[in-house]
Amino acid sequence: MKAQVEEAFNPLGSNELYKEQFIKYFLDKGMRRKNINELWMNAYKMNIISIGVKPIVSDEKPLEILGHVTVFKLVGREDE
């Protein structure tokens, strides 16, 4: 499971992905949304990824928060 989850991060060369990017990666590979949700939930339970939230800010007004995005980070590779 770890290798499968890590493959979603490789195309962008990042240790951090938005949840939407993760889902799109596996949808494009033909996986069903239900299975993708099970994958990331199990990856979280197995400490393969951590889950956080980042604010979306206005370019014109950096202190104005427009919304939030869910972020997945690979555990143990945050500093690479």
N, C-alpha and C. Protein backbone atom coordinates (compact mmCIF):
# COMPACT_ATOMS: atom_id res chain seq x y z
N MET A 1 0.82 -1.18 0.00
CA MET A 1 0.00 0.00 0.00
C MET A 1 0.87 1.25 0.00
N LYS A 2 1.98 1.23 0.72
CA LYS A 2 2.85 2.39 0.80
C LYS A 2 3.35 2.79 -0.59
N ALA A 3 3.79 1.82 -1.37
CA ALA A 3 4.29 2.10 -2.72
C ALA A 3 3.18 2.67 -3.60
N GLN A 4 1.99 2.16 -3.47
CA GLN A 4 0.86 2.64 -4.25
C GLN A 4 0.55 4.10 -3.91
N VAL A 5 0.55 4.43 -2.65
CA VAL A 5 0.28 5.80 -2.22
C VAL A 5 1.41 6.72 -2.69
N GLU A 6 2.65 6.29 -2.52
CA GLU A 6 3.80 7.12 -2.90
C GLU A 6 3.80 7.44 -4.39
N GLU A 7 3.29 6.54 -5.23
CA GLU A 7 3.30 6.78 -6.67
C GLU A 7 2.48 8.01 -7.05
N ALA A 8 1.49 8.37 -6.28
CA ALA A 8 0.68 9.57 -6.56
C ALA A 8 1.49 10.85 -6.36
N PHE A 9 2.49 10.80 -5.48
CA PHE A 9 3.30 11.97 -5.18
C PHE A 9 4.44 12.16 -6.19
N ASN A 10 4.87 11.08 -6.83
CA ASN A 10 6.04 11.12 -7.71
C ASN A 10 5.91 12.03 -8.93
N PRO A 11 4.79 12.07 -9.65
CA PRO A 11 4.72 12.92 -10.84
C PRO A 11 5.00 14.40 -10.58
N LEU A 12 4.64 14.88 -9.41
CA LEU A 12 4.90 16.28 -9.08
C LEU A 12 6.22 16.47 -8.35
N GLY A 13 6.87 15.37 -8.00
CA GLY A 13 8.14 15.46 -7.28
C GLY A 13 8.00 16.14 -5.94
N SER A 14 6.87 15.92 -5.30
CA SER A 14 6.57 16.60 -4.04
C SER A 14 6.21 15.58 -2.97
N ASN A 15 6.40 15.98 -1.74
CA ASN A 15 5.99 15.14 -0.61
C ASN A 15 4.65 15.61 -0.05
N GLU A 16 4.03 16.53 -0.79
CA GLU A 16 2.77 17.11 -0.36
C GLU A 16 1.84 17.21 -1.57
N LEU A 17 0.60 16.78 -1.38
CA LEU A 17 -0.42 16.86 -2.43
C LEU A 17 -1.72 17.36 -1.83
N TYR A 18 -2.48 18.09 -2.64
CA TYR A 18 -3.84 18.39 -2.24
C TYR A 18 -4.66 17.12 -2.38
N LYS A 19 -5.65 16.97 -1.53
CA LYS A 19 -6.51 15.79 -1.58
C LYS A 19 -7.09 15.62 -2.98
N GLU A 20 -7.49 16.73 -3.62
CA GLU A 20 -8.06 16.67 -4.96
C GLU A 20 -7.07 16.13 -5.99
N GLN A 21 -5.79 16.48 -5.84
CA GLN A 21 -4.76 15.96 -6.75
C GLN A 21 -4.59 14.45 -6.57
N PHE A 22 -4.61 14.01 -5.32
CA PHE A 22 -4.49 12.59 -5.00
C PHE A 22 -5.65 11.82 -5.62
N ILE A 23 -6.86 12.32 -5.43
CA ILE A 23 -8.05 11.65 -5.97
C ILE A 23 -8.00 11.62 -7.49
N LYS A 24 -7.64 12.75 -8.12
CA LYS A 24 -7.58 12.81 -9.58
C LYS A 24 -6.56 11.82 -10.13
N TYR A 25 -5.41 11.70 -9.47
CA TYR A 25 -4.38 10.76 -9.92
C TYR A 25 -4.94 9.35 -10.04
N PHE A 26 -5.64 8.90 -9.02
CA PHE A 26 -6.15 7.54 -9.03
C PHE A 26 -7.41 7.39 -9.89
N LEU A 27 -8.21 8.44 -10.01
CA LEU A 27 -9.34 8.39 -10.95
C LEU A 27 -8.82 8.22 -12.38
N ASP A 28 -7.75 8.96 -12.71
CA ASP A 28 -7.15 8.85 -14.04
C ASP A 28 -6.58 7.47 -14.30
N LYS A 29 -6.23 6.75 -13.25
CA LYS A 29 -5.71 5.38 -13.38
C LYS A 29 -6.84 4.35 -13.41
N GLY A 30 -8.10 4.83 -13.32
CA GLY A 30 -9.24 3.94 -13.43
C GLY A 30 -9.81 3.43 -12.11
N MET A 31 -9.32 3.94 -11.00
CA MET A 31 -9.81 3.51 -9.70
C MET A 31 -11.13 4.20 -9.38
N ARG A 32 -12.01 3.52 -8.70
CA ARG A 32 -13.29 4.10 -8.29
C ARG A 32 -13.09 4.99 -7.08
N ARG A 33 -13.91 6.04 -7.00
CA ARG A 33 -13.79 7.02 -5.91
C ARG A 33 -13.88 6.36 -4.53
N LYS A 34 -14.76 5.37 -4.39
CA LYS A 34 -14.91 4.67 -3.10
C LYS A 34 -13.59 4.00 -2.71
N ASN A 35 -12.92 3.37 -3.69
CA ASN A 35 -11.65 2.71 -3.41
C ASN A 35 -10.54 3.71 -3.10
N ILE A 36 -10.59 4.87 -3.76
CA ILE A 36 -9.60 5.92 -3.49
C ILE A 36 -9.77 6.43 -2.06
N ASN A 37 -11.00 6.65 -1.66
CA ASN A 37 -11.25 7.11 -0.29
C ASN A 37 -10.78 6.09 0.73
N GLU A 38 -11.01 4.81 0.46
CA GLU A 38 -10.52 3.76 1.36
C GLU A 38 -9.00 3.75 1.39
N LEU A 39 -8.38 3.98 0.23
CA LEU A 39 -6.91 3.99 0.15
C LEU A 39 -6.32 5.08 1.03
N TRP A 40 -6.80 6.32 0.89
CA TRP A 40 -6.19 7.38 1.68
C TRP A 40 -6.54 7.25 3.16
N MET A 41 -7.73 6.76 3.48
CA MET A 41 -8.08 6.56 4.89
C MET A 41 -7.19 5.49 5.53
N ASN A 42 -6.97 4.39 4.81
CA ASN A 42 -6.09 3.34 5.33
C ASN A 42 -4.64 3.81 5.41
N ALA A 43 -4.21 4.60 4.43
CA ALA A 43 -2.85 5.14 4.45
C ALA A 43 -2.66 6.04 5.67
N TYR A 44 -3.68 6.80 6.01
CA TYR A 44 -3.63 7.64 7.19
C TYR A 44 -3.57 6.79 8.46
N LYS A 45 -4.41 5.77 8.53
CA LYS A 45 -4.44 4.89 9.71
C LYS A 45 -3.11 4.16 9.89
N MET A 46 -2.44 3.85 8.77
CA MET A 46 -1.16 3.13 8.82
C MET A 46 0.04 4.08 8.92
N ASN A 47 -0.23 5.38 9.10
CA ASN A 47 0.80 6.40 9.25
C ASN A 47 1.70 6.51 8.02
N ILE A 48 1.14 6.31 6.84
CA ILE A 48 1.86 6.51 5.59
C ILE A 48 1.76 7.97 5.18
N ILE A 49 0.59 8.57 5.43
CA ILE A 49 0.39 9.99 5.16
C ILE A 49 -0.15 10.69 6.40
N SER A 50 0.11 11.98 6.47
CA SER A 50 -0.54 12.81 7.47
C SER A 50 -1.50 13.72 6.71
N ILE A 51 -2.50 14.21 7.39
CA ILE A 51 -3.52 15.04 6.76
C ILE A 51 -3.58 16.37 7.49
N GLY A 52 -3.56 17.44 6.70
CA GLY A 52 -3.65 18.78 7.27
C GLY A 52 -4.52 19.67 6.42
N VAL A 53 -4.58 20.92 6.79
CA VAL A 53 -5.39 21.90 6.07
C VAL A 53 -4.53 23.14 5.85
N LYS A 54 -4.63 23.71 4.64
CA LYS A 54 -3.94 24.96 4.32
C LYS A 54 -4.97 25.98 3.89
N PRO A 55 -4.76 27.23 4.30
CA PRO A 55 -5.68 28.27 3.85
C PRO A 55 -5.39 28.68 2.41
N ILE A 56 -6.42 29.08 1.70
CA ILE A 56 -6.28 29.69 0.38
C ILE A 56 -6.44 31.18 0.62
N VAL A 57 -5.41 31.95 0.23
CA VAL A 57 -5.44 33.38 0.49
C VAL A 57 -5.55 34.17 -0.81
N SER A 58 -6.04 35.36 -0.70
CA SER A 58 -6.17 36.27 -1.82
C SER A 58 -4.80 36.81 -2.22
N ASP A 59 -4.49 36.86 -3.52
CA ASP A 59 -3.22 37.42 -3.98
C ASP A 59 -3.13 38.91 -3.66
N GLU A 60 -4.24 39.60 -3.79
CA GLU A 60 -4.26 41.04 -3.53
C GLU A 60 -4.23 41.36 -2.04
N LYS A 61 -4.88 40.52 -1.26
CA LYS A 61 -4.96 40.75 0.19
C LYS A 61 -4.52 39.47 0.90
N PRO A 62 -3.21 39.31 1.13
CA PRO A 62 -2.69 38.06 1.71
C PRO A 62 -3.30 37.66 3.06
N LEU A 63 -3.85 38.60 3.77
CA LEU A 63 -4.46 38.27 5.07
C LEU A 63 -5.91 37.85 4.93
N GLU A 64 -6.45 37.91 3.71
CA GLU A 64 -7.83 37.51 3.47
C GLU A 64 -7.88 36.03 3.09
N ILE A 65 -8.48 35.23 3.93
CA ILE A 65 -8.60 33.79 3.68
C ILE A 65 -9.86 33.53 2.89
N LEU A 66 -9.69 32.91 1.72
CA LEU A 66 -10.81 32.63 0.83
C LEU A 66 -11.43 31.26 1.08
N GLY A 67 -10.65 30.36 1.63
CA GLY A 67 -11.13 29.00 1.87
C GLY A 67 -9.98 28.15 2.38
N HIS A 68 -10.16 26.84 2.32
CA HIS A 68 -9.15 25.90 2.80
C HIS A 68 -9.06 24.70 1.85
N VAL A 69 -7.89 24.07 1.82
CA VAL A 69 -7.71 22.82 1.07
C VAL A 69 -7.14 21.77 2.01
N THR A 70 -7.53 20.54 1.78
CA THR A 70 -6.99 19.41 2.53
C THR A 70 -5.68 18.98 1.87
N VAL A 71 -4.65 18.78 2.69
CA VAL A 71 -3.32 18.45 2.19
C VAL A 71 -2.88 17.11 2.77
N PHE A 72 -2.35 16.25 1.89
CA PHE A 72 -1.74 14.99 2.32
C PHE A 72 -0.23 15.14 2.24
N LYS A 73 0.47 14.68 3.28
CA LYS A 73 1.94 14.69 3.29
C LYS A 73 2.42 13.27 3.56
N LEU A 74 3.47 12.89 2.85
CA LEU A 74 4.08 11.58 3.11
C LEU A 74 4.80 11.64 4.45
N VAL A 75 4.53 10.72 5.32
CA VAL A 75 5.17 10.66 6.62
C VAL A 75 6.60 10.20 6.44
N GLY A 76 7.52 10.90 7.09
CA GLY A 76 8.93 10.52 7.03
C GLY A 76 9.69 11.13 5.87
N ARG A 77 8.99 11.79 4.95
CA ARG A 77 9.67 12.43 3.81
C ARG A 77 9.37 13.91 3.76
N GLU A 78 8.90 14.49 4.84
CA GLU A 78 8.52 15.89 4.86
C GLU A 78 9.70 16.82 4.59
N ASP A 79 10.89 16.44 5.03
CA ASP A 79 12.05 17.34 4.95
C ASP A 79 12.90 17.12 3.72
N GLU A 80 12.55 16.17 2.88
CA GLU A 80 13.38 15.89 1.71
C GLU A 80 13.21 16.94 0.64
